[in-house]
Amino acid sequence: MSHPVSLTHAQRVKRYGSFTFKASPGGDSPERITVDPAWVSKHIVAVAVPQLGGRKVHVHRDVAQPLLALFAAWEDAGVLSDVTKFAGCWVARFKRGKAGGTEKDLSNHSWGSAIDVNPQQNWLGKTPAAEGEPGSVLRLVPIAEANGWAWGGRWKTPDGMHFEYVG
């Protein structure tokens, strides 16, 4: 069975747009960047997710409906309780360990097209939590993939908390 895969950088830029940015060093996250406010105003929206108690999530406008559909699908399948922590979507930053790089070194979160779920149990570079273990996302994965989301747990360096919309 084929699984959705991450977009290449060129595909991501074509789909979600390119933007200028500058590094925002300091604080507890040296990977953070500041994105062109005009791009943010045009592309990033706040969407209330009912399954998160109406929490507003900042996301690329083209990902707003897929995000709502994903949470509804998880709820309909009876696995929403597996989402024990939603750790966000739009976070303008470099990939871990790539601070100070180029646009190609930006995290998919910089476009507002990726979400993180249950990070403590599914950290980057660690084996994702097994089914039945606290924080496991494994029952969420097939539903996410069926709805056009790629899962970072399938990567060479696993990132089990990470889901990104590839459509």
Protein backbone atom coordinates (compact mmCIF):
# COMPACT_ATOMS: atom_id res chain seq x y z
CA MET A 1 0.00 0.00 0.00
CA SER A 2 1.27 3.45 -0.93
CA HIS A 3 1.36 6.18 1.71
CA PRO A 4 1.29 9.94 1.12
CA VAL A 5 4.78 11.44 1.15
CA SER A 6 6.05 14.91 1.96
CA LEU A 7 6.05 17.52 -0.72
CA THR A 8 9.39 18.56 -2.12
CA HIS A 9 10.45 22.11 -1.39
CA ALA A 10 9.52 23.16 -4.95
CA GLN A 11 6.08 21.54 -4.65
CA ARG A 12 5.48 23.22 -1.26
CA VAL A 13 6.41 26.66 -2.62
CA LYS A 14 4.23 26.14 -5.70
CA ARG A 15 1.25 25.09 -3.58
CA TYR A 16 1.56 27.43 -0.59
CA GLY A 17 3.69 30.31 -1.88
CA SER A 18 7.12 31.70 -1.27
CA PHE A 19 7.92 34.35 1.30
CA THR A 20 10.80 36.39 2.58
CA PHE A 21 11.94 35.86 6.13
CA LYS A 22 14.66 36.71 8.57
CA ALA A 23 16.10 34.78 11.46
CA SER A 24 14.81 35.74 14.89
CA PRO A 25 17.68 34.61 17.11
CA GLY A 26 17.45 34.53 20.85
CA GLY A 27 15.00 33.18 23.33
CA ASP A 28 14.49 29.48 23.82
CA SER A 29 14.15 28.71 20.10
CA PRO A 30 17.07 29.77 17.88
CA GLU A 31 15.31 28.17 14.91
CA ARG A 32 12.51 30.80 14.85
CA ILE A 33 12.08 33.15 11.91
CA THR A 34 10.00 36.24 11.17
CA VAL A 35 7.96 35.90 7.98
CA ASP A 36 6.94 38.73 5.63
CA PRO A 37 3.77 40.14 7.24
CA ALA A 38 2.09 40.59 3.85
CA TRP A 39 2.45 36.86 3.12
CA VAL A 40 1.16 35.99 6.59
CA SER A 41 -1.85 38.30 6.16
CA LYS A 42 -2.71 36.75 2.81
CA HIS A 43 -2.12 33.07 3.65
CA ILE A 44 -2.38 32.33 7.38
CA VAL A 45 -5.84 32.12 8.97
CA ALA A 46 -7.15 31.18 12.40
CA VAL A 47 -9.63 28.31 12.32
CA ALA A 48 -11.62 27.12 15.32
CA VAL A 49 -11.36 23.33 15.68
CA PRO A 50 -14.48 22.00 17.46
CA GLN A 51 -12.72 18.80 18.56
CA LEU A 52 -10.11 20.94 20.34
CA GLY A 53 -12.79 22.77 22.32
CA GLY A 54 -13.01 25.50 19.68
CA ARG A 55 -9.30 26.29 19.99
CA LYS A 56 -8.18 28.56 17.18
CA VAL A 57 -5.36 27.06 15.15
CA HIS A 58 -3.27 29.20 12.80
CA VAL A 59 -2.95 27.38 9.49
CA HIS A 60 -2.44 28.08 5.78
CA ARG A 61 -5.83 29.02 4.35
CA ASP A 62 -5.66 26.11 1.88
CA VAL A 63 -5.19 23.67 4.77
CA ALA A 64 -8.04 24.99 6.96
CA GLN A 65 -10.73 22.70 5.54
CA PRO A 66 -8.47 19.62 5.37
CA LEU A 67 -7.54 20.20 9.02
CA LEU A 68 -11.20 20.41 10.06
CA ALA A 69 -11.97 17.30 7.98
CA LEU A 70 -9.10 15.41 9.63
CA PHE A 71 -10.30 16.10 13.15
CA ALA A 72 -13.87 15.23 12.16
CA ALA A 73 -12.65 11.95 10.64
CA TRP A 74 -10.71 11.10 13.80
CA GLU A 75 -13.82 11.85 15.84
CA ASP A 76 -16.09 9.82 13.53
CA ALA A 77 -13.70 6.85 13.77
CA GLY A 78 -13.73 6.99 17.56
CA VAL A 79 -10.00 7.68 17.90
CA LEU A 80 -10.04 11.38 18.79
CA SER A 81 -9.14 10.50 22.38
CA ASP A 82 -5.76 9.35 21.02
CA VAL A 83 -4.95 13.05 20.53
CA THR A 84 -3.76 13.78 24.05
CA LYS A 85 -1.85 16.94 23.08
CA PHE A 86 -2.16 19.14 20.02
CA ALA A 87 1.15 20.99 19.71
CA GLY A 88 0.29 23.41 16.93
CA CYS A 89 0.44 24.04 13.23
CA TRP A 90 1.88 27.34 11.96
CA VAL A 91 5.24 27.87 13.60
CA ALA A 92 7.62 29.90 11.47
CA ARG A 93 11.03 28.29 11.99
CA PHE A 94 13.89 26.36 10.51
CA LYS A 95 14.00 22.58 10.69
CA ARG A 96 15.68 21.32 13.85
CA GLY A 97 19.42 21.82 13.56
CA LYS A 98 19.17 24.06 10.46
CA ALA A 99 19.00 27.49 12.13
CA GLY A 100 20.38 30.22 9.89
CA GLY A 101 19.84 28.28 6.66
CA THR A 102 18.01 29.07 3.46
CA GLU A 103 14.33 28.75 2.50
CA LYS A 104 14.98 25.06 1.75
CA ASP A 105 15.91 24.61 5.42
CA LEU A 106 12.55 25.88 6.68
CA SER A 107 10.20 23.59 8.55
CA ASN A 108 6.93 22.65 6.83
CA HIS A 109 5.29 24.37 9.80
CA SER A 110 6.50 27.69 8.36
CA TRP A 111 3.83 27.37 5.67
CA GLY A 112 1.11 26.36 8.13
CA SER A 113 0.67 23.00 6.43
CA ALA A 114 1.79 20.64 9.21
CA ILE A 115 0.57 19.71 12.68
CA ASP A 116 2.17 18.03 15.66
CA VAL A 117 0.26 15.60 17.90
CA ASN A 118 1.42 14.00 21.18
CA PRO A 119 5.01 15.28 20.93
CA GLN A 120 6.31 13.91 24.23
CA GLN A 121 5.77 10.30 23.18
CA ASN A 122 6.67 10.76 19.49
CA TRP A 123 9.71 13.01 19.45
CA LEU A 124 11.83 13.59 16.35
CA GLY A 125 14.39 10.80 15.94
CA LYS A 126 12.67 8.46 18.38
CA THR A 127 10.55 5.40 17.63
CA PRO A 128 6.90 6.51 17.80
CA ALA A 129 4.87 5.16 20.72
CA ALA A 130 3.47 1.70 20.01
CA GLU A 131 -0.27 1.11 19.74
CA GLY A 132 -1.78 0.90 23.21
CA GLU A 133 1.01 2.95 24.79
CA PRO A 134 0.20 6.42 26.12
CA GLY A 135 0.43 9.02 23.36
CA SER A 136 0.39 6.53 20.48
CA VAL A 137 -0.76 8.07 17.20
CA LEU A 138 -0.81 4.79 15.29
CA ARG A 139 -4.62 4.55 15.13
CA LEU A 140 -4.68 8.14 13.79
CA VAL A 141 -2.22 7.47 10.96
CA PRO A 142 -4.36 5.47 8.47
CA ILE A 143 -7.20 7.98 8.81
CA ALA A 144 -4.84 10.91 8.32
CA GLU A 145 -3.25 9.26 5.28
CA ALA A 146 -6.68 8.52 3.78
CA ASN A 147 -7.42 12.24 4.13
CA GLY A 148 -4.27 13.41 2.33
CA TRP A 149 -1.90 13.82 5.28
CA ALA A 150 1.62 12.37 5.26
CA TRP A 151 2.97 11.02 8.57
CA GLY A 152 6.50 11.84 9.72
CA GLY A 153 6.75 8.50 11.53
CA ARG A 154 7.52 6.89 8.15
CA TRP A 155 10.59 9.04 7.54
CA LYS A 156 14.18 7.76 7.69
CA THR A 157 14.54 9.89 10.83
CA PRO A 158 11.09 9.36 12.34
CA ASP A 159 9.02 12.29 13.53
CA GLY A 160 6.00 10.47 14.90
CA MET A 161 4.23 13.60 16.13
CA HIS A 162 4.26 15.17 12.65
CA PHE A 163 1.46 15.15 10.08
CA GLU A 164 1.54 17.38 7.02
CA TYR A 165 -1.12 18.03 4.42
CA VAL A 166 -0.04 16.92 0.95
CA GLY A 167 -3.53 16.71 -0.57
